[in-house]
Structure formats: structure tokens, C-alpha cells
Protein backbone atom coordinates (compact mmCIF):
# COMPACT_ATOMS: atom_id res chain seq x y z
CA MET A 1 15.69 -5.55 -8.58
CA ARG A 2 12.24 -4.14 -8.82
CA HIS A 3 11.30 -1.19 -6.65
CA CYS A 4 7.72 -0.37 -5.43
CA ALA A 5 6.43 2.81 -3.61
CA CYS A 6 3.66 1.78 -1.19
CA ALA A 7 1.28 3.81 0.86
CA ILE A 8 -0.68 3.29 3.95
CA LEU A 9 -3.19 6.12 4.36
CA VAL A 10 -3.87 6.90 8.07
CA GLN A 11 -6.89 8.79 9.30
CA ASP A 12 -8.84 8.95 12.59
CA GLY A 13 -6.70 6.19 14.21
CA ARG A 14 -7.40 3.71 11.25
CA LEU A 15 -5.35 2.54 8.18
CA LEU A 16 -6.51 1.85 4.67
CA LEU A 17 -5.78 -1.33 2.86
CA GLY A 18 -6.88 -2.62 -0.49
CA LYS A 19 -8.09 -6.20 -1.22
CA ARG A 20 -6.07 -7.31 -4.23
CA ALA A 21 -8.37 -8.31 -7.12
CA PRO A 22 -8.60 -12.01 -7.94
CA HIS A 23 -6.98 -11.76 -11.32
CA ARG A 24 -3.73 -10.24 -9.84
CA LYS A 25 -0.75 -12.37 -10.45
CA ALA A 26 0.72 -11.84 -6.94
CA TYR A 27 -1.15 -11.79 -3.57
CA ALA A 28 -4.63 -12.20 -5.39
CA GLY A 29 -7.50 -11.79 -2.99
CA LYS A 30 -5.25 -10.60 -0.02
CA TRP A 31 -5.20 -7.26 1.91
CA ASP A 32 -2.38 -5.22 0.91
CA VAL A 33 -0.92 -1.61 1.17
CA ILE A 34 -1.59 0.60 -1.79
CA GLY A 35 1.00 1.30 -4.49
CA GLY A 36 3.15 -0.14 -7.18
CA ARG A 37 6.25 -0.27 -9.28
CA VAL A 38 8.59 2.60 -9.78
CA GLU A 39 9.07 3.25 -13.44
CA ASP A 40 12.57 3.60 -14.93
CA GLY A 41 13.99 7.02 -14.28
CA GLU A 42 10.98 7.90 -11.75
CA ALA A 43 11.74 9.06 -8.33
CA LEU A 44 10.05 7.20 -5.39
CA GLU A 45 8.05 10.24 -4.43
CA ASP A 46 6.80 10.59 -7.86
CA ALA A 47 5.71 6.91 -8.08
CA LEU A 48 3.94 7.34 -4.77
CA VAL A 49 2.03 10.21 -6.25
CA ARG A 50 1.20 8.41 -9.48
CA GLU A 51 0.17 5.07 -7.85
CA LEU A 52 -2.20 6.58 -5.51
CA ARG A 53 -3.92 8.72 -8.29
CA GLU A 54 -4.01 5.70 -10.55
CA GLU A 55 -5.38 3.20 -7.77
CA ILE A 56 -7.58 5.26 -5.43
CA GLY A 57 -8.09 8.56 -6.93
CA VAL A 58 -6.21 10.63 -4.46
CA ALA A 59 -3.17 12.87 -4.45
CA PRO A 60 -1.01 12.73 -1.36
CA LEU A 61 0.05 16.08 0.30
CA GLU A 62 1.81 14.83 3.43
CA TRP A 63 3.76 11.67 3.97
CA GLU A 64 6.50 9.99 5.91
CA ASP A 65 8.99 7.53 4.80
CA LEU A 66 8.55 4.40 7.03
CA CYS A 67 10.99 1.63 5.86
CA SER A 68 11.92 -0.75 3.00
CA LEU A 69 10.86 -4.34 2.90
CA PRO A 70 12.31 -6.97 0.81
CA ASP A 71 9.92 -9.29 -0.87
CA MET A 72 11.32 -12.48 -1.85
CA GLY A 73 8.34 -14.73 -0.88
CA PRO A 74 6.58 -17.35 -3.10
CA GLU A 75 4.11 -14.79 -4.68
CA ALA A 76 6.92 -12.12 -5.40
CA GLN A 77 7.40 -11.67 -9.17
CA GLY A 78 11.43 -11.67 -8.76
CA PRO A 79 13.30 -9.71 -5.94
CA SER A 80 11.45 -6.56 -4.98
CA THR A 81 11.94 -3.73 -2.37
CA TYR A 82 8.73 -2.25 -1.14
CA HIS A 83 9.51 1.46 -0.06
CA MET A 84 6.68 2.15 2.61
CA PHE A 85 5.25 5.64 3.21
CA ALA A 86 2.41 6.61 5.77
CA VAL A 87 0.30 9.15 4.09
CA ARG A 88 -1.65 11.50 6.47
CA ALA A 89 -3.13 14.23 4.05
CA TRP A 90 -4.35 14.06 0.62
CA THR A 91 -6.59 15.79 -1.82
CA GLY A 92 -9.45 14.13 -3.96
CA GLY A 93 -11.82 13.22 -1.29
CA GLN A 94 -12.30 9.90 0.11
CA PRO A 95 -10.22 7.10 -1.38
CA ARG A 96 -12.00 4.96 -3.83
CA ILE A 97 -11.40 2.05 -6.26
CA ALA A 98 -10.10 3.86 -9.42
CA ASN A 99 -8.73 0.90 -11.51
CA HIS A 100 -8.52 -2.81 -11.68
CA GLU A 101 -5.95 -3.48 -8.92
CA HIS A 102 -8.17 -3.90 -5.99
CA SER A 103 -11.75 -5.40 -5.45
CA ALA A 104 -12.35 -3.65 -2.26
CA LEU A 105 -10.95 -0.90 0.00
CA ARG A 106 -11.41 -0.82 3.83
CA TRP A 107 -10.46 1.13 6.90
CA PHE A 108 -9.02 -0.90 9.76
CA THR A 109 -7.72 -0.25 13.10
CA VAL A 110 -4.17 -1.46 13.75
CA ALA A 111 -5.47 -4.47 15.78
CA GLU A 112 -7.98 -5.50 13.00
CA ALA A 113 -5.26 -5.23 10.28
CA SER A 114 -2.72 -6.98 12.31
CA ALA A 115 -5.16 -9.91 12.91
CA LEU A 116 -5.96 -10.26 9.21
CA ALA A 117 -5.38 -13.96 8.18
CA ASP A 118 -5.31 -12.90 4.38
CA LEU A 119 -2.70 -10.00 4.61
CA ALA A 120 -0.25 -9.93 1.72
CA MET A 121 2.80 -9.87 3.86
CA ASP A 122 3.50 -10.80 7.59
CA GLU A 123 6.07 -8.17 7.82
CA TYR A 124 3.29 -5.50 7.58
CA ARG A 125 1.87 -6.33 11.12
CA SER A 126 4.92 -4.99 12.90
CA MET A 127 5.02 -1.81 10.76
CA PHE A 128 1.30 -1.16 11.63
CA TRP A 129 1.90 -1.38 15.15
CA GLY A 130 4.70 1.40 14.70
CA LEU A 131 2.32 3.85 12.66
CA ARG A 132 1.62 7.20 14.23
CA PHE A 133 -1.70 8.54 13.97
């Protein structure tokens, strides 16, 4: 079982998603949360901090555990569990594309994000509506 630490940055009534780069094996070209695989021996929170630094150049200061989502869909690369966090404060300025994982970053309202036809996982929609801003 693969574990992933995933973040939804929230600010001013909006949430941040990344459009997965077209070369990615899973969910290419789809809007997704920010995050990635927890390395062997790594704590979830440490993976969250590392992934946000690597992917969007920020370091989380304040976060909340939201839920864990299984991913056994057709694009999953084996059984995975996504451990979801809402991140409300960070250092490093505005998030920016810092590596090859995403082709775009964008802030969405909950309604906009929930209406995306190209959202990586349908399970995100109900999670978005439960976010506190």
C-alpha cells in the first residue's frame, strides 16, 4: 500500500489546485491536490512539508488533518491512500510551480473546483464543500 501526503491550501475563500503535467503517469492533465508519496520511514507531516517545498516552493506552518481517501481507480498506480490536509498558513510567499509535477496552479472557489470536469478524483468534491476558510 502506498501512502501519499496531500494538501489543499486555503486562502481568502479559495483553494489551490495544480493541473498535473501531461507527462505524468496518473491523472495527467487533471486538476489535483498538491502532494505525493510518503517515503519509507517518513512521518506524514514530514512528507507534507517536503512535498509542498518541492512542488510549490512553500513551507506549511498551520494545517489540519481532513481525511484519508483510498485510490483504487483506473489511473492509480496500485492501491494508495491519500492523507488529506488543509493548509491555512505557510512561508515562502505565493505558491508557484517549483518542479515538473504541474503545468499550472490556480485558486478556485469551492463551487468552481467542485464543477471541474477534469478533477483527478470525484471524492474531492464532497471534501471541498467541508472545508473551513
